[in-house]
Amino acid sequence: MKPVLLKEGIYWVGAVDWDLRYFHGPIYTTHRGTTYNSYLIADDHLTLVDAVYAPFAGELIGRIKAVADPSRIENVIVNHIETDHAGALPEIMKLAPGAKIYCSARARDGLQKHFPGAGWDYRVVKTGMELSTGRRTLTFVEAPMLHWPDSMFTYIPQEALLLPNDAFGQHLASSSRFDDEVDGHVLMEEAAKYYANILYPVSRLVLKKLAELEGMNIPVEMIAPSHGIIWRSRSSRIVEAYRRWAAGEWERKSLVVYETMWGSTMLMARAIAEGLSDQGVATKLYRISAGDYSDIIKELLEARLLVVGSSTIHRHFIASLAPFLDSLACLQPVNRIGAVFGSYGWSKGAAQAVTERLKQAGIETVPESLEVLWIPDQDDRQRCYQWGGSLAGLL
């Protein structure tokens, strides 16, 4: 793949990882792969913004060479030090050993730990500081915890171009580079999954950063993140989506998520989902062992109500629910309501344990859970249906 022109003299020189299926270990599935985006500014002072994951260093260097001699690189901007963005940095610095590295103070400290003894020329920047590349000026905006302490954005006012690293990104491999070249539904689906599984716990900071950028009164015509597709035609769409997601806005939707041993909790789940949907609540039903919990978490960006069920085993919930509940505790979904149900035999315990986990995630839970002894008969299933209908009133 050749370098791709974003603006006059500014090129995408990154890499496409078609095979990636997990990110951050096994906790986030990437069904559609990803990209590691890197940008070359071919100005009077050749400048590279972000690198790529180390196994793709050769692709990065090859695309740089198609534009300019890599030894001419004078400036390297490191918006974020995570390995998928800085892993190829040593290979770049071998080719351009005199290049200066511009980054936040925490990024410098992190890079020194990642690459001890490298002896690189670090230039620490803060919000508002600028770097001239000749015809253009790069303005830096610190963005700590979006999503690491070292993170920052780079803005090019002459092009109204924002390079925000992990903000506004998606895990989406494609031979196309721009939002108007791909399926818009797929693009927003992956952007939502990215936000839900990575940025959800820093939603308050996202709102503050959006307000800060708005207060700076800077035009943004194009957003070029470090994963996925570049927003050149619909940049306002993703910014508005971030505002909604960070604010915890919701629609009249619910998720029913469960695990079952011999089908009793499954019968309850189906009756509850039917009770909700018959009251006009758009409802999705997931058995956790048959689904993907990082996909389910994405659905919470719009669903107000999360209903979780489990059979009781050894006075606890079924273990396959644990990764989902643990992720919720880490991500802290904003402004959501939870309800709990389940079946039991010789003792209870699952409903209480699930309720405690939802509370740890900051999810407000309804006072009473719904539990059924052994196999739900017709009366029990009717009770589940009515309970689902009553939950609809919370929305």
Protein backbone atom coordinates (compact mmCIF):
# COMPACT_ATOMS: atom_id res chain seq x y z
CA MET A 1 0.00 0.00 0.00
CA LYS A 2 1.32 3.42 -0.95
CA PRO A 3 1.43 6.46 1.37
CA VAL A 4 -1.93 8.23 1.39
CA LEU A 5 -2.21 11.99 1.06
CA LEU A 6 -4.33 13.69 3.77
CA LYS A 7 -3.51 17.29 3.01
CA GLU A 8 -0.87 18.83 0.79
CA GLY A 9 2.44 17.52 2.12
CA ILE A 10 0.87 15.41 4.91
CA TYR A 11 0.77 11.64 4.44
CA TRP A 12 -0.52 8.54 6.18
CA VAL A 13 2.47 6.19 6.38
CA GLY A 14 1.14 3.68 8.93
CA ALA A 15 0.31 -0.02 8.75
CA VAL A 16 -2.77 -2.23 8.50
CA ASP A 17 -3.02 -5.25 10.80
CA TRP A 18 -5.63 -7.49 9.19
CA ASP A 19 -5.04 -10.38 11.59
CA LEU A 20 -5.41 -8.75 15.02
CA ARG A 21 -8.28 -10.37 16.94
CA TYR A 22 -7.54 -9.31 20.52
CA PHE A 23 -6.39 -6.00 21.99
CA HIS A 24 -5.04 -5.31 25.48
CA GLY A 25 -4.74 -9.06 25.93
CA PRO A 26 -7.91 -11.16 25.62
CA ILE A 27 -10.31 -8.54 27.04
CA TYR A 28 -11.22 -6.70 23.83
CA THR A 29 -12.01 -8.62 20.64
CA THR A 30 -11.10 -6.96 17.36
CA HIS A 31 -13.13 -8.90 14.80
CA ARG A 32 -12.16 -6.53 12.00
CA GLY A 33 -8.46 -6.08 12.73
CA THR A 34 -6.91 -2.63 13.20
CA THR A 35 -4.47 -0.09 11.84
CA TYR A 36 -1.49 1.63 13.42
CA ASN A 37 -1.59 5.11 11.95
CA SER A 38 1.50 7.24 11.56
CA TYR A 39 1.67 10.60 9.78
CA LEU A 40 4.54 12.23 7.91
CA ILE A 41 4.65 16.00 7.45
CA ALA A 42 6.85 16.73 4.43
CA ASP A 43 7.59 20.35 5.27
CA ASP A 44 10.85 22.30 5.51
CA HIS A 45 11.61 20.21 8.62
CA LEU A 46 10.53 16.61 8.00
CA THR A 47 8.33 15.52 10.91
CA LEU A 48 6.83 12.17 11.89
CA VAL A 49 3.78 12.03 14.17
CA ASP A 50 3.54 8.72 16.05
CA ALA A 51 5.07 5.43 15.01
CA VAL A 52 3.54 1.93 14.72
CA TYR A 53 3.66 -1.42 16.47
CA ALA A 54 7.22 -2.83 16.26
CA PRO A 55 6.42 -5.81 13.96
CA PHE A 56 5.24 -3.32 11.34
CA ALA A 57 8.32 -1.06 11.46
CA GLY A 58 9.36 -2.19 7.98
CA GLU A 59 6.05 -1.12 6.48
CA LEU A 60 6.31 2.27 8.17
CA ILE A 61 9.84 2.86 6.93
CA GLY A 62 8.97 1.69 3.43
CA ARG A 63 6.12 4.20 3.17
CA ILE A 64 8.28 7.00 4.58
CA LYS A 65 10.90 6.22 1.92
CA ALA A 66 8.23 6.59 -0.77
CA VAL A 67 7.90 10.24 0.32
CA ALA A 68 11.33 11.24 1.63
CA ASP A 69 14.64 9.92 2.91
CA PRO A 70 14.00 8.83 6.55
CA SER A 71 17.41 10.19 7.57
CA ARG A 72 15.98 13.67 6.93
CA ILE A 73 13.46 13.34 9.78
CA GLU A 74 14.18 16.18 12.20
CA ASN A 75 11.20 15.89 14.54
CA VAL A 76 9.29 12.91 15.95
CA ILE A 77 6.05 13.63 17.80
CA VAL A 78 5.06 10.99 20.34
CA ASN A 79 1.45 11.59 21.33
CA HIS A 80 1.31 8.36 23.35
CA ILE A 81 3.95 5.82 24.39
CA GLU A 82 1.92 2.58 24.33
CA THR A 83 3.70 -0.14 22.37
CA ASP A 84 1.28 -0.13 19.44
CA HIS A 85 2.26 3.50 18.77
CA ALA A 86 5.89 3.72 19.91
CA GLY A 87 7.17 0.18 19.37
CA ALA A 88 8.83 1.07 16.06
CA LEU A 89 10.48 4.19 17.48
CA PRO A 90 13.96 2.63 17.87
CA GLU A 91 14.03 1.70 14.17
CA ILE A 92 13.09 5.26 13.22
CA MET A 93 15.75 6.73 15.51
CA LYS A 94 18.40 4.45 14.02
CA LEU A 95 17.70 6.04 10.64
CA ALA A 96 17.42 9.58 12.02
CA PRO A 97 19.60 9.63 15.16
CA GLY A 98 19.63 13.41 15.31
CA ALA A 99 15.85 13.75 15.41
CA LYS A 100 14.29 15.50 18.37
CA ILE A 101 11.42 13.77 20.19
CA TYR A 102 8.54 16.01 21.26
CA CYS A 103 6.30 14.57 23.95
CA SER A 104 4.76 15.21 27.36
CA ALA A 105 6.86 14.94 30.53
CA ARG A 106 5.23 11.65 31.47
CA ALA A 107 5.80 10.33 27.97
CA ARG A 108 9.52 11.15 28.24
CA ASP A 109 9.73 9.29 31.55
CA GLY A 110 7.89 6.32 30.08
CA LEU A 111 10.00 6.19 26.93
CA GLN A 112 13.16 6.21 29.03
CA LYS A 113 11.85 3.13 30.84
CA HIS A 114 10.75 1.42 27.63
CA PHE A 115 14.02 2.16 25.83
CA PRO A 116 16.71 2.59 28.50
CA GLY A 117 20.03 4.00 27.42
CA ALA A 118 18.75 5.22 24.06
CA GLY A 119 20.08 8.73 24.69
CA TRP A 120 17.46 10.42 22.55
CA ASP A 121 17.01 14.20 22.49
CA TYR A 122 13.70 14.76 24.29
CA ARG A 123 11.83 18.06 24.12
CA VAL A 124 9.04 18.16 26.73
CA VAL A 125 5.95 20.11 25.66
CA LYS A 126 2.86 21.42 27.42
CA THR A 127 -0.54 22.64 26.26
CA GLY A 128 -0.21 25.67 24.01
CA MET A 129 3.42 25.11 23.05
CA GLU A 130 4.16 25.16 19.33
CA LEU A 131 6.64 23.70 16.87
CA SER A 132 7.26 25.18 13.43
CA THR A 133 7.93 22.73 10.63
CA GLY A 134 8.29 25.53 8.08
CA ARG A 135 5.00 26.36 6.43
CA ARG A 136 3.05 24.81 9.29
CA THR A 137 2.83 25.15 13.04
CA LEU A 138 2.12 22.19 15.30
CA THR A 139 0.26 23.04 18.49
CA PHE A 140 0.31 20.59 21.40
CA VAL A 141 -2.58 19.87 23.77
CA GLU A 142 -1.96 17.66 26.79
CA ALA A 143 -4.68 15.03 27.29
CA PRO A 144 -3.70 13.05 30.39
CA MET A 145 -5.71 9.86 30.92
CA LEU A 146 -7.16 9.94 27.40
CA HIS A 147 -6.31 7.22 27.79
CA TRP A 148 -2.85 7.09 29.49
CA PRO A 149 -1.21 9.73 31.72
CA ASP A 150 1.23 10.61 28.93
CA SER A 151 -1.34 11.17 26.17
CA MET A 152 -1.52 14.38 24.17
CA PHE A 153 -2.98 15.74 20.93
CA THR A 154 -1.23 17.52 18.07
CA TYR A 155 -3.11 20.16 16.09
CA ILE A 156 -2.14 21.77 12.77
CA PRO A 157 -4.11 25.04 12.45
CA GLN A 158 -3.13 25.70 8.82
CA GLU A 159 -4.93 22.47 7.86
CA ALA A 160 -7.58 22.40 10.63
CA LEU A 161 -6.20 18.90 11.27
CA LEU A 162 -6.30 17.20 14.67
CA LEU A 163 -3.99 14.25 15.42
CA PRO A 164 -5.40 12.94 18.73
CA ASN A 165 -3.75 9.50 18.90
CA ASP A 166 -6.18 7.11 20.65
CA ALA A 167 -9.12 9.50 20.85
CA PHE A 168 -11.78 9.10 18.12
CA GLY A 169 -10.21 5.86 16.90
CA GLN A 170 -11.57 2.43 16.02
CA HIS A 171 -10.12 -1.04 15.52
CA LEU A 172 -10.93 -1.44 11.85
CA ALA A 173 -8.60 -2.79 9.17
CA SER A 174 -9.37 -1.50 5.69
CA SER A 175 -7.72 -0.80 2.37
CA SER A 176 -9.45 2.59 2.56
CA ARG A 177 -8.26 5.37 4.81
CA PHE A 178 -11.17 7.81 5.06
CA ASP A 179 -14.64 7.77 6.61
CA ASP A 180 -16.43 8.50 3.34
CA GLU A 181 -14.82 5.42 1.77
CA VAL A 182 -16.17 2.81 4.23
CA ASP A 183 -19.56 1.61 5.50
CA GLY A 184 -20.75 4.28 7.93
CA HIS A 185 -22.64 1.79 10.11
CA VAL A 186 -19.57 -0.42 10.54
CA LEU A 187 -17.42 2.62 11.25
CA MET A 188 -19.67 3.93 14.03
CA GLU A 189 -20.12 0.43 15.46
CA GLU A 190 -16.36 0.04 15.83
CA ALA A 191 -15.96 3.59 17.15
CA ALA A 192 -18.59 2.85 19.81
CA LYS A 193 -16.93 -0.42 20.79
CA TYR A 194 -13.59 1.38 21.05
CA TYR A 195 -15.02 4.06 23.32
CA ALA A 196 -16.93 1.60 25.51
CA ASN A 197 -14.00 -0.76 26.08
CA ILE A 198 -11.20 1.81 26.39
CA LEU A 199 -12.47 5.29 27.24
CA TYR A 200 -15.63 4.59 29.27
CA PRO A 201 -13.88 4.99 32.66
CA VAL A 202 -12.55 8.44 31.74
CA SER A 203 -15.84 9.85 30.46
CA ARG A 204 -15.68 12.87 32.78
CA LEU A 205 -12.26 13.73 31.41
CA VAL A 206 -13.54 13.31 27.85
CA LEU A 207 -16.25 15.89 28.54
CA LYS A 208 -13.68 18.28 30.01
CA LYS A 209 -11.33 17.86 27.07
CA LEU A 210 -14.14 18.41 24.55
CA ALA A 211 -15.10 21.59 26.41
CA GLU A 212 -11.46 22.69 26.47
CA LEU A 213 -11.09 22.19 22.73
CA GLU A 214 -14.32 24.07 22.12
CA GLY A 215 -13.06 26.90 24.33
CA MET A 216 -9.87 27.12 22.28
CA ASN A 217 -12.11 28.00 19.32
CA ILE A 218 -10.07 26.00 16.85
CA PRO A 219 -11.63 24.73 13.64
CA VAL A 220 -11.35 20.97 13.08
CA GLU A 221 -12.05 19.77 9.55
CA MET A 222 -10.22 16.45 9.76
CA ILE A 223 -9.45 14.10 12.66
CA ALA A 224 -6.67 11.59 12.09
CA PRO A 225 -6.51 9.12 15.02
CA SER A 226 -3.88 6.46 15.51
CA HIS A 227 -6.23 3.51 15.02
CA GLY A 228 -8.65 2.95 12.18
CA ILE A 229 -10.24 5.35 9.75
CA ILE A 230 -9.53 9.08 9.31
CA TRP A 231 -12.51 11.41 9.74
CA ARG A 232 -12.46 13.85 6.83
CA SER A 233 -16.18 14.14 5.95
CA ARG A 234 -17.91 13.31 9.24
CA SER A 235 -15.61 14.65 11.94
CA SER A 236 -18.48 16.45 13.69
CA ARG A 237 -20.37 13.14 13.87
CA ILE A 238 -17.72 11.39 15.94
CA VAL A 239 -17.20 14.44 18.19
CA GLU A 240 -20.94 14.57 18.92
CA ALA A 241 -20.99 10.82 19.56
CA TYR A 242 -18.17 11.22 22.09
CA ARG A 243 -20.13 13.96 23.82
CA ARG A 244 -23.21 11.73 24.11
CA TRP A 245 -21.28 8.70 25.27
CA ALA A 246 -19.25 10.64 27.82
CA ALA A 247 -22.36 12.35 29.18
CA GLY A 248 -24.05 8.99 29.70
CA GLU A 249 -27.02 9.80 27.49
CA TRP A 250 -29.24 6.80 26.82
CA GLU A 251 -32.10 5.48 24.74
CA ARG A 252 -35.08 3.37 25.79
CA LYS A 253 -33.13 0.16 25.41
CA SER A 254 -32.22 -2.76 27.63
CA LEU A 255 -29.76 -5.65 27.68
CA VAL A 256 -30.56 -9.01 29.25
CA VAL A 257 -27.32 -10.90 29.88
CA TYR A 258 -27.31 -14.32 31.50
CA GLU A 259 -25.65 -17.68 32.01
CA THR A 260 -27.47 -20.93 32.67
CA MET A 261 -26.58 -24.48 33.72
CA TRP A 262 -29.56 -26.58 32.60
CA GLY A 263 -31.85 -24.01 31.02
CA SER A 264 -33.87 -22.66 33.98
CA THR A 265 -32.22 -19.23 33.96
CA MET A 266 -32.51 -19.19 30.17
CA LEU A 267 -36.30 -19.60 30.42
CA MET A 268 -36.38 -16.73 32.92
CA ALA A 269 -34.22 -14.54 30.67
CA ARG A 270 -36.47 -15.06 27.66
CA ALA A 271 -39.62 -14.25 29.62
CA ILE A 272 -38.04 -11.10 31.10
CA ALA A 273 -36.85 -9.94 27.68
CA GLU A 274 -40.33 -10.52 26.27
CA GLY A 275 -41.88 -8.51 29.10
CA LEU A 276 -39.54 -5.62 28.38
CA SER A 277 -40.03 -5.65 24.62
CA ASP A 278 -43.82 -5.87 24.93
CA GLN A 279 -43.64 -2.58 26.82
CA GLY A 280 -41.89 -0.96 23.87
CA VAL A 281 -38.32 -1.28 25.19
CA ALA A 282 -35.81 -2.26 22.50
CA THR A 283 -34.18 -5.29 24.11
CA LYS A 284 -31.25 -7.54 23.26
CA LEU A 285 -30.70 -10.93 24.86
CA TYR A 286 -27.23 -12.42 25.33
CA ARG A 287 -26.04 -15.69 26.81
CA ILE A 288 -22.55 -14.73 27.92
CA SER A 289 -20.90 -18.04 26.93
CA ALA A 290 -22.37 -17.76 23.42
CA GLY A 291 -21.39 -14.13 22.91
CA ASP A 292 -18.58 -11.63 23.28
CA TYR A 293 -18.65 -9.47 26.36
CA SER A 294 -16.69 -6.62 24.78
CA ASP A 295 -19.45 -6.45 22.15
CA ILE A 296 -22.09 -6.44 24.90
CA ILE A 297 -20.33 -3.60 26.73
CA LYS A 298 -20.52 -1.59 23.51
CA GLU A 299 -24.32 -1.90 23.64
CA LEU A 300 -24.31 -0.19 27.06
CA LEU A 301 -23.42 3.09 25.36
CA GLU A 302 -27.10 3.37 24.41
CA ALA A 303 -28.98 0.94 26.68
CA ARG A 304 -30.16 2.41 29.98
CA LEU A 305 -31.03 -0.89 31.67
CA LEU A 306 -28.75 -3.90 32.22
CA VAL A 307 -30.48 -7.05 33.48
CA VAL A 308 -28.08 -9.82 34.56
CA GLY A 309 -29.01 -13.39 35.47
CA SER A 310 -27.23 -16.52 36.63
CA SER A 311 -27.94 -19.93 38.02
CA THR A 312 -26.50 -20.45 41.51
CA ILE A 313 -23.54 -22.79 41.85
CA HIS A 314 -21.73 -23.16 45.16
CA ARG A 315 -23.65 -20.11 46.44
CA HIS A 316 -22.21 -17.97 43.66
CA PHE A 317 -22.84 -17.00 40.04
CA ILE A 318 -21.51 -19.08 37.15
CA ALA A 319 -17.84 -18.31 36.56
CA SER A 320 -18.24 -17.44 32.86
CA LEU A 321 -19.98 -14.21 33.95
CA ALA A 322 -16.93 -13.08 35.93
CA PRO A 323 -14.92 -11.47 33.08
CA PHE A 324 -17.98 -9.45 32.02
CA LEU A 325 -18.71 -8.27 35.56
CA ASP A 326 -15.02 -7.54 36.19
CA SER A 327 -14.87 -5.41 33.04
CA LEU A 328 -17.92 -3.45 34.15
CA ALA A 329 -16.19 -2.72 37.46
CA CYS A 330 -13.16 -1.40 35.57
CA LEU A 331 -15.12 0.61 33.02
CA GLN A 332 -17.70 2.19 35.36
CA PRO A 333 -20.56 2.77 32.86
CA VAL A 334 -22.18 6.16 33.26
CA ASN A 335 -25.80 6.65 34.36
CA ARG A 336 -27.00 3.06 34.08
CA ILE A 337 -29.54 0.94 36.02
CA GLY A 338 -29.15 -2.75 36.84
CA ALA A 339 -31.49 -5.58 37.80
CA VAL A 340 -30.64 -9.16 38.77
CA PHE A 341 -32.39 -12.52 38.42
CA GLY A 342 -31.62 -16.22 38.50
CA SER A 343 -32.58 -19.76 39.42
CA TYR A 344 -31.32 -21.84 42.33
CA GLY A 345 -31.61 -25.33 43.79
CA TRP A 346 -30.35 -26.25 47.24
CA SER A 347 -29.23 -22.70 48.11
CA LYS A 348 -29.31 -19.12 46.87
CA GLY A 349 -26.32 -16.82 46.36
CA ALA A 350 -25.89 -15.90 42.69
CA ALA A 351 -28.29 -12.96 42.69
CA GLN A 352 -26.67 -11.36 45.72
CA ALA A 353 -23.17 -11.84 44.31
CA VAL A 354 -24.13 -10.33 40.93
CA THR A 355 -25.83 -7.39 42.66
CA GLU A 356 -22.65 -6.66 44.60
CA ARG A 357 -20.60 -6.71 41.40
CA LEU A 358 -22.97 -4.29 39.64
CA LYS A 359 -22.74 -1.92 42.58
CA GLN A 360 -18.94 -2.08 42.34
CA ALA A 361 -19.34 -0.93 38.74
CA GLY A 362 -21.31 2.11 39.91
CA ILE A 363 -24.55 0.77 38.46
CA GLU A 364 -27.67 1.61 40.46
CA THR A 365 -29.54 -1.67 41.10
CA VAL A 366 -33.24 -2.20 41.74
CA PRO A 367 -33.94 -3.18 45.38
CA GLU A 368 -35.33 -6.68 44.78
CA SER A 369 -33.88 -9.37 42.56
CA LEU A 370 -36.05 -12.10 41.02
CA GLU A 371 -35.25 -15.71 41.92
CA VAL A 372 -36.93 -19.01 41.03
CA LEU A 373 -36.47 -22.38 42.73
CA TRP A 374 -35.50 -25.17 40.35
CA ILE A 375 -37.30 -25.07 36.98
CA PRO A 376 -39.67 -22.14 36.31
CA ASP A 377 -43.21 -23.38 35.74
CA GLN A 378 -45.87 -21.45 33.86
CA ASP A 379 -46.66 -19.26 36.87
CA ASP A 380 -42.95 -18.51 37.38
CA ARG A 381 -42.49 -17.59 33.74
CA GLN A 382 -45.50 -15.29 33.96
CA ARG A 383 -43.92 -13.68 37.01
CA CYS A 384 -40.70 -13.15 35.02
CA TYR A 385 -42.68 -11.62 32.16
CA GLN A 386 -44.42 -9.22 34.53
CA TRP A 387 -41.15 -8.35 36.25
CA GLY A 388 -39.66 -7.46 32.88
CA GLY A 389 -42.68 -5.27 32.16
CA SER A 390 -42.25 -3.51 35.50
CA LEU A 391 -38.57 -2.83 34.75
CA ALA A 392 -39.70 -1.01 31.62
CA GLY A 393 -41.21 1.60 33.90
CA LEU A 394 -37.70 2.57 35.03
CA LEU A 395 -37.03 3.88 31.53
